[in-house]
Amino acid sequence: MTKGFQDALKRVLKHEGGYVNHPSDPGGETNYGITKNTAKQFGYNGSMKSIPMATVEKIYKQQYWDAMSCDSFEFAIAFHMFDAAVNHGLLNARKIIQRSIGVKDDGIIGVISLAAIRKMPQCLFVYSFHAERIAFYTKISTFNTFGKGWMSRMVDNLRYAVEDFS
């Protein structure tokens, strides 16, 4: 069975959890990792505590999976791109990808970046990408508050990589 968006979403939701309104989180009120502001952009104006899963799925599919062109990559790579886009935002995820493949980190995944991604063995790409993600996390001002959770996410993702490459 080929893995795809729904499989990636299950993994991401395991990390993102349920309703949170942490005072140190600049995203503010969230549920399933979706901020109130993002939900409003997709037409949802209800309580974040009861955001429908159909709305959550629509947001994740359009805002992150499709925006990162994940369907054009093998799942073993696509999942990690998707997870980074969710956790870091699209621009940061793209720049982290570019740093991991050794090209200019302008945030535009074009011909040069795509060629570099496809040239690199998939498992090396994923491991290099995670090294860059960890370096990125350690520079975030809220690392002392949220760093343990982010590192747990990276551990799980590296375990997923082992599973996906087996």
C-alpha atoms as a PDB file:
ATOM      1  CA  MET A   1       0.000   0.000   0.000  1.00  0.00           C
ATOM      2  CA  THR A   2       1.318   3.394  -0.978  1.00  0.00           C
ATOM      3  CA  LYS A   3       1.380   5.962   1.799  1.00  0.00           C
ATOM      4  CA  GLY A   4       0.118   9.480   1.210  1.00  0.00           C
ATOM      5  CA  PHE A   5      -1.453  12.561   2.748  1.00  0.00           C
ATOM      6  CA  GLN A   6      -3.712  10.753   5.235  1.00  0.00           C
ATOM      7  CA  ASP A   7      -0.756   8.771   6.612  1.00  0.00           C
ATOM      8  CA  ALA A   8       1.337  11.924   6.925  1.00  0.00           C
ATOM      9  CA  LEU A   9      -1.552  13.755   8.589  1.00  0.00           C
ATOM     10  CA  LYS A  10      -1.917  11.012  11.232  1.00  0.00           C
ATOM     11  CA  ARG A  11       1.759  11.395  12.076  1.00  0.00           C
ATOM     12  CA  VAL A  12       1.588  15.188  12.249  1.00  0.00           C
ATOM     13  CA  LEU A  13      -1.550  15.178  14.385  1.00  0.00           C
ATOM     14  CA  LYS A  14       0.217  12.891  16.840  1.00  0.00           C
ATOM     15  CA  HIS A  15       2.724  15.718  17.307  1.00  0.00           C
ATOM     16  CA  GLU A  16       0.282  18.593  17.173  1.00  0.00           C
ATOM     17  CA  GLY A  17      -2.160  17.229  19.736  1.00  0.00           C
ATOM     18  CA  GLY A  18      -5.418  18.848  20.730  1.00  0.00           C
ATOM     19  CA  TYR A  19      -6.529  22.225  22.026  1.00  0.00           C
ATOM     20  CA  VAL A  20      -3.817  24.524  23.410  1.00  0.00           C
ATOM     21  CA  ASN A  21      -3.704  28.194  24.357  1.00  0.00           C
ATOM     22  CA  HIS A  22      -0.182  28.512  25.812  1.00  0.00           C
ATOM     23  CA  PRO A  23       0.783  32.092  26.776  1.00  0.00           C
ATOM     24  CA  SER A  24       4.331  31.648  25.385  1.00  0.00           C
ATOM     25  CA  ASP A  25       3.165  30.364  21.998  1.00  0.00           C
ATOM     26  CA  PRO A  26       3.100  33.204  19.453  1.00  0.00           C
ATOM     27  CA  GLY A  27       0.517  31.217  17.451  1.00  0.00           C
ATOM     28  CA  GLY A  28      -2.029  31.728  20.206  1.00  0.00           C
ATOM     29  CA  GLU A  29      -5.097  29.540  20.476  1.00  0.00           C
ATOM     30  CA  THR A  30      -4.718  26.321  18.459  1.00  0.00           C
ATOM     31  CA  ASN A  31      -6.332  22.933  18.022  1.00  0.00           C
ATOM     32  CA  TYR A  32      -4.713  20.051  16.144  1.00  0.00           C
ATOM     33  CA  GLY A  33      -1.915  22.522  15.413  1.00  0.00           C
ATOM     34  CA  ILE A  34      -4.242  24.893  13.524  1.00  0.00           C
ATOM     35  CA  THR A  35      -4.144  28.464  14.779  1.00  0.00           C
ATOM     36  CA  LYS A  36      -7.326  30.460  15.183  1.00  0.00           C
ATOM     37  CA  ASN A  37      -6.077  32.933  12.561  1.00  0.00           C
ATOM     38  CA  THR A  38      -5.471  30.154  10.003  1.00  0.00           C
ATOM     39  CA  ALA A  39      -8.884  28.618  10.717  1.00  0.00           C
ATOM     40  CA  LYS A  40     -10.514  32.009  10.050  1.00  0.00           C
ATOM     41  CA  GLN A  41      -8.634  32.284   6.726  1.00  0.00           C
ATOM     42  CA  PHE A  42     -10.314  29.012   5.737  1.00  0.00           C
ATOM     43  CA  GLY A  43     -13.767  30.269   6.736  1.00  0.00           C
ATOM     44  CA  TYR A  44     -14.029  28.689  10.187  1.00  0.00           C
ATOM     45  CA  ASN A  45     -15.239  31.134  12.840  1.00  0.00           C
ATOM     46  CA  GLY A  46     -16.374  28.768  15.578  1.00  0.00           C
ATOM     47  CA  SER A  47     -14.700  27.731  18.797  1.00  0.00           C
ATOM     48  CA  MET A  48     -11.216  26.319  18.289  1.00  0.00           C
ATOM     49  CA  LYS A  49     -12.068  23.677  20.871  1.00  0.00           C
ATOM     50  CA  SER A  50     -14.595  22.160  18.436  1.00  0.00           C
ATOM     51  CA  ILE A  51     -13.029  22.725  15.007  1.00  0.00           C
ATOM     52  CA  PRO A  52     -14.304  19.923  12.733  1.00  0.00           C
ATOM     53  CA  MET A  53     -11.756  17.360  11.546  1.00  0.00           C
ATOM     54  CA  ALA A  54     -12.893  17.963   7.948  1.00  0.00           C
ATOM     55  CA  THR A  55     -11.784  21.595   8.305  1.00  0.00           C
ATOM     56  CA  VAL A  56      -8.477  20.526   9.882  1.00  0.00           C
ATOM     57  CA  GLU A  57      -7.815  18.104   7.011  1.00  0.00           C
ATOM     58  CA  LYS A  58      -8.697  20.721   4.374  1.00  0.00           C
ATOM     59  CA  ILE A  59      -6.307  23.233   5.928  1.00  0.00           C
ATOM     60  CA  TYR A  60      -3.439  20.763   6.233  1.00  0.00           C
ATOM     61  CA  LYS A  61      -3.940  19.494   2.671  1.00  0.00           C
ATOM     62  CA  GLN A  62      -4.110  22.899   0.995  1.00  0.00           C
ATOM     63  CA  GLN A  63      -1.926  25.011   3.265  1.00  0.00           C
ATOM     64  CA  TYR A  64       0.949  22.563   3.707  1.00  0.00           C
ATOM     65  CA  TRP A  65       0.819  19.267   1.728  1.00  0.00           C
ATOM     66  CA  ASP A  66      -0.170  20.829  -1.605  1.00  0.00           C
ATOM     67  CA  ALA A  67       1.848  24.010  -1.034  1.00  0.00           C
ATOM     68  CA  MET A  68       4.995  21.894  -0.593  1.00  0.00           C
ATOM     69  CA  SER A  69       4.128  19.772  -3.679  1.00  0.00           C
ATOM     70  CA  CYS A  70       4.385  16.667  -1.516  1.00  0.00           C
ATOM     71  CA  ASP A  71       2.592  14.469  -4.061  1.00  0.00           C
ATOM     72  CA  SER A  72       5.596  14.886  -6.386  1.00  0.00           C
ATOM     73  CA  PHE A  73       7.948  13.173  -3.907  1.00  0.00           C
ATOM     74  CA  GLU A  74       8.229   9.697  -2.470  1.00  0.00           C
ATOM     75  CA  PHE A  75       6.412   9.477   0.860  1.00  0.00           C
ATOM     76  CA  ALA A  76       9.708   8.958   2.721  1.00  0.00           C
ATOM     77  CA  ILE A  77      10.646  12.536   1.762  1.00  0.00           C
ATOM     78  CA  ALA A  78       7.187  14.099   1.431  1.00  0.00           C
ATOM     79  CA  PHE A  79       6.234  13.393   5.038  1.00  0.00           C
ATOM     80  CA  HIS A  80       9.263  15.245   6.402  1.00  0.00           C
ATOM     81  CA  MET A  81       8.685  18.232   4.111  1.00  0.00           C
ATOM     82  CA  PHE A  82       5.051  18.344   5.204  1.00  0.00           C
ATOM     83  CA  ASP A  83       5.924  18.090   8.889  1.00  0.00           C
ATOM     84  CA  ALA A  84       8.472  20.899   8.587  1.00  0.00           C
ATOM     85  CA  ALA A  85       6.005  23.143   6.746  1.00  0.00           C
ATOM     86  CA  VAL A  86       3.444  22.575   9.499  1.00  0.00           C
ATOM     87  CA  ASN A  87       5.909  23.212  12.301  1.00  0.00           C
ATOM     88  CA  HIS A  88       8.133  25.937  10.811  1.00  0.00           C
ATOM     89  CA  GLY A  89       5.900  27.557   8.187  1.00  0.00           C
ATOM     90  CA  LEU A  90       6.332  27.240   4.425  1.00  0.00           C
ATOM     91  CA  LEU A  91       9.153  29.732   3.926  1.00  0.00           C
ATOM     92  CA  ASN A  92      11.281  28.425   6.793  1.00  0.00           C
ATOM     93  CA  ALA A  93      10.677  24.809   5.727  1.00  0.00           C
ATOM     94  CA  ARG A  94      11.808  25.610   2.194  1.00  0.00           C
ATOM     95  CA  LYS A  95      14.913  27.399   3.430  1.00  0.00           C
ATOM     96  CA  ILE A  96      15.767  24.513   5.762  1.00  0.00           C
ATOM     97  CA  ILE A  97      15.405  22.107   2.823  1.00  0.00           C
ATOM     98  CA  GLN A  98      17.759  24.255   0.774  1.00  0.00           C
ATOM     99  CA  ARG A  99      20.366  24.423   3.544  1.00  0.00           C
ATOM    100  CA  SER A 100      20.196  20.638   3.873  1.00  0.00           C
ATOM    101  CA  ILE A 101      20.974  20.137   0.168  1.00  0.00           C
ATOM    102  CA  GLY A 102      23.647  22.845  -0.046  1.00  0.00           C
ATOM    103  CA  VAL A 103      21.952  25.378  -2.310  1.00  0.00           C
ATOM    104  CA  LYS A 104      21.131  29.045  -1.741  1.00  0.00           C
ATOM    105  CA  ASP A 105      18.406  29.307   0.911  1.00  0.00           C
ATOM    106  CA  ASP A 106      16.112  31.799  -0.814  1.00  0.00           C
ATOM    107  CA  GLY A 107      12.928  29.866   0.017  1.00  0.00           C
ATOM    108  CA  ILE A 108      12.130  29.139  -3.631  1.00  0.00           C
ATOM    109  CA  ILE A 109      12.114  25.441  -4.459  1.00  0.00           C
ATOM    110  CA  GLY A 110      12.864  25.708  -8.157  1.00  0.00           C
ATOM    111  CA  VAL A 111      14.843  23.761 -10.738  1.00  0.00           C
ATOM    112  CA  ILE A 112      18.166  23.953  -8.851  1.00  0.00           C
ATOM    113  CA  SER A 113      16.691  22.870  -5.514  1.00  0.00           C
ATOM    114  CA  LEU A 114      14.627  20.079  -7.074  1.00  0.00           C
ATOM    115  CA  ALA A 115      17.656  18.741  -8.947  1.00  0.00           C
ATOM    116  CA  ALA A 116      19.715  18.754  -5.736  1.00  0.00           C
ATOM    117  CA  ILE A 117      16.950  16.965  -3.794  1.00  0.00           C
ATOM    118  CA  ARG A 118      16.573  14.298  -6.470  1.00  0.00           C
ATOM    119  CA  LYS A 119      20.341  13.821  -6.805  1.00  0.00           C
ATOM    120  CA  MET A 120      20.845  13.148  -3.084  1.00  0.00           C
ATOM    121  CA  PRO A 121      20.034   9.658  -1.772  1.00  0.00           C
ATOM    122  CA  GLN A 122      16.679   9.911   0.004  1.00  0.00           C
ATOM    123  CA  CYS A 123      17.870   8.732   3.400  1.00  0.00           C
ATOM    124  CA  LEU A 124      20.787  11.198   3.339  1.00  0.00           C
ATOM    125  CA  PHE A 125      18.412  14.005   2.420  1.00  0.00           C
ATOM    126  CA  VAL A 126      16.121  13.176   5.334  1.00  0.00           C
ATOM    127  CA  TYR A 127      18.990  12.951   7.842  1.00  0.00           C
ATOM    128  CA  SER A 128      20.594  16.184   6.589  1.00  0.00           C
ATOM    129  CA  PHE A 129      17.194  17.868   6.642  1.00  0.00           C
ATOM    130  CA  HIS A 130      16.628  16.851  10.265  1.00  0.00           C
ATOM    131  CA  ALA A 131      20.071  18.103  11.264  1.00  0.00           C
ATOM    132  CA  GLU A 132      19.149  21.498   9.797  1.00  0.00           C
ATOM    133  CA  ARG A 133      15.748  21.420  11.520  1.00  0.00           C
ATOM    134  CA  ILE A 134      17.372  20.760  14.887  1.00  0.00           C
ATOM    135  CA  ALA A 135      19.835  23.608  14.302  1.00  0.00           C
ATOM    136  CA  PHE A 136      16.872  25.861  13.436  1.00  0.00           C
ATOM    137  CA  TYR A 137      14.953  24.899  16.576  1.00  0.00           C
ATOM    138  CA  THR A 138      17.880  25.723  18.853  1.00  0.00           C
ATOM    139  CA  LYS A 139      17.874  29.330  17.575  1.00  0.00           C
ATOM    140  CA  ILE A 140      14.204  29.961  18.389  1.00  0.00           C
ATOM    141  CA  SER A 141      13.702  32.223  21.417  1.00  0.00           C
ATOM    142  CA  THR A 142      11.126  29.857  22.947  1.00  0.00           C
ATOM    143  CA  PHE A 143      13.424  26.809  22.745  1.00  0.00           C
ATOM    144  CA  ASN A 144      13.710  26.605  26.541  1.00  0.00           C
ATOM    145  CA  THR A 145       9.920  26.388  26.781  1.00  0.00           C
ATOM    146  CA  PHE A 146       9.115  24.157  23.806  1.00  0.00           C
ATOM    147  CA  GLY A 147      12.467  22.549  22.910  1.00  0.00           C
ATOM    148  CA  LYS A 148      11.855  19.253  24.675  1.00  0.00           C
ATOM    149  CA  GLY A 149       8.675  18.721  22.666  1.00  0.00           C
ATOM    150  CA  TRP A 150      10.381  19.708  19.419  1.00  0.00           C
ATOM    151  CA  MET A 151      13.213  17.269  20.068  1.00  0.00           C
ATOM    152  CA  SER A 152      10.682  14.513  20.796  1.00  0.00           C
ATOM    153  CA  ARG A 153       9.114  15.335  17.430  1.00  0.00           C
ATOM    154  CA  MET A 154      12.508  14.950  15.741  1.00  0.00           C
ATOM    155  CA  VAL A 155      13.109  11.603  17.462  1.00  0.00           C
ATOM    156  CA  ASP A 156       9.725  10.325  16.261  1.00  0.00           C
ATOM    157  CA  ASN A 157      10.392  11.626  12.756  1.00  0.00           C
ATOM    158  CA  LEU A 158      13.780   9.923  12.599  1.00  0.00           C
ATOM    159  CA  ARG A 159      12.088   6.706  13.694  1.00  0.00           C
ATOM    160  CA  TYR A 160       9.512   7.202  10.939  1.00  0.00           C
ATOM    161  CA  ALA A 161      12.426   7.622   8.492  1.00  0.00           C
ATOM    162  CA  VAL A 162      13.858   4.268   9.573  1.00  0.00           C
ATOM    163  CA  GLU A 163      10.410   2.691   9.124  1.00  0.00           C
ATOM    164  CA  ASP A 164       9.897   4.315   5.710  1.00  0.00           C
ATOM    165  CA  PHE A 165      13.313   3.266   4.400  1.00  0.00           C
ATOM    166  CA  SER A 166      13.010  -0.328   5.662  1.00  0.00           C
END
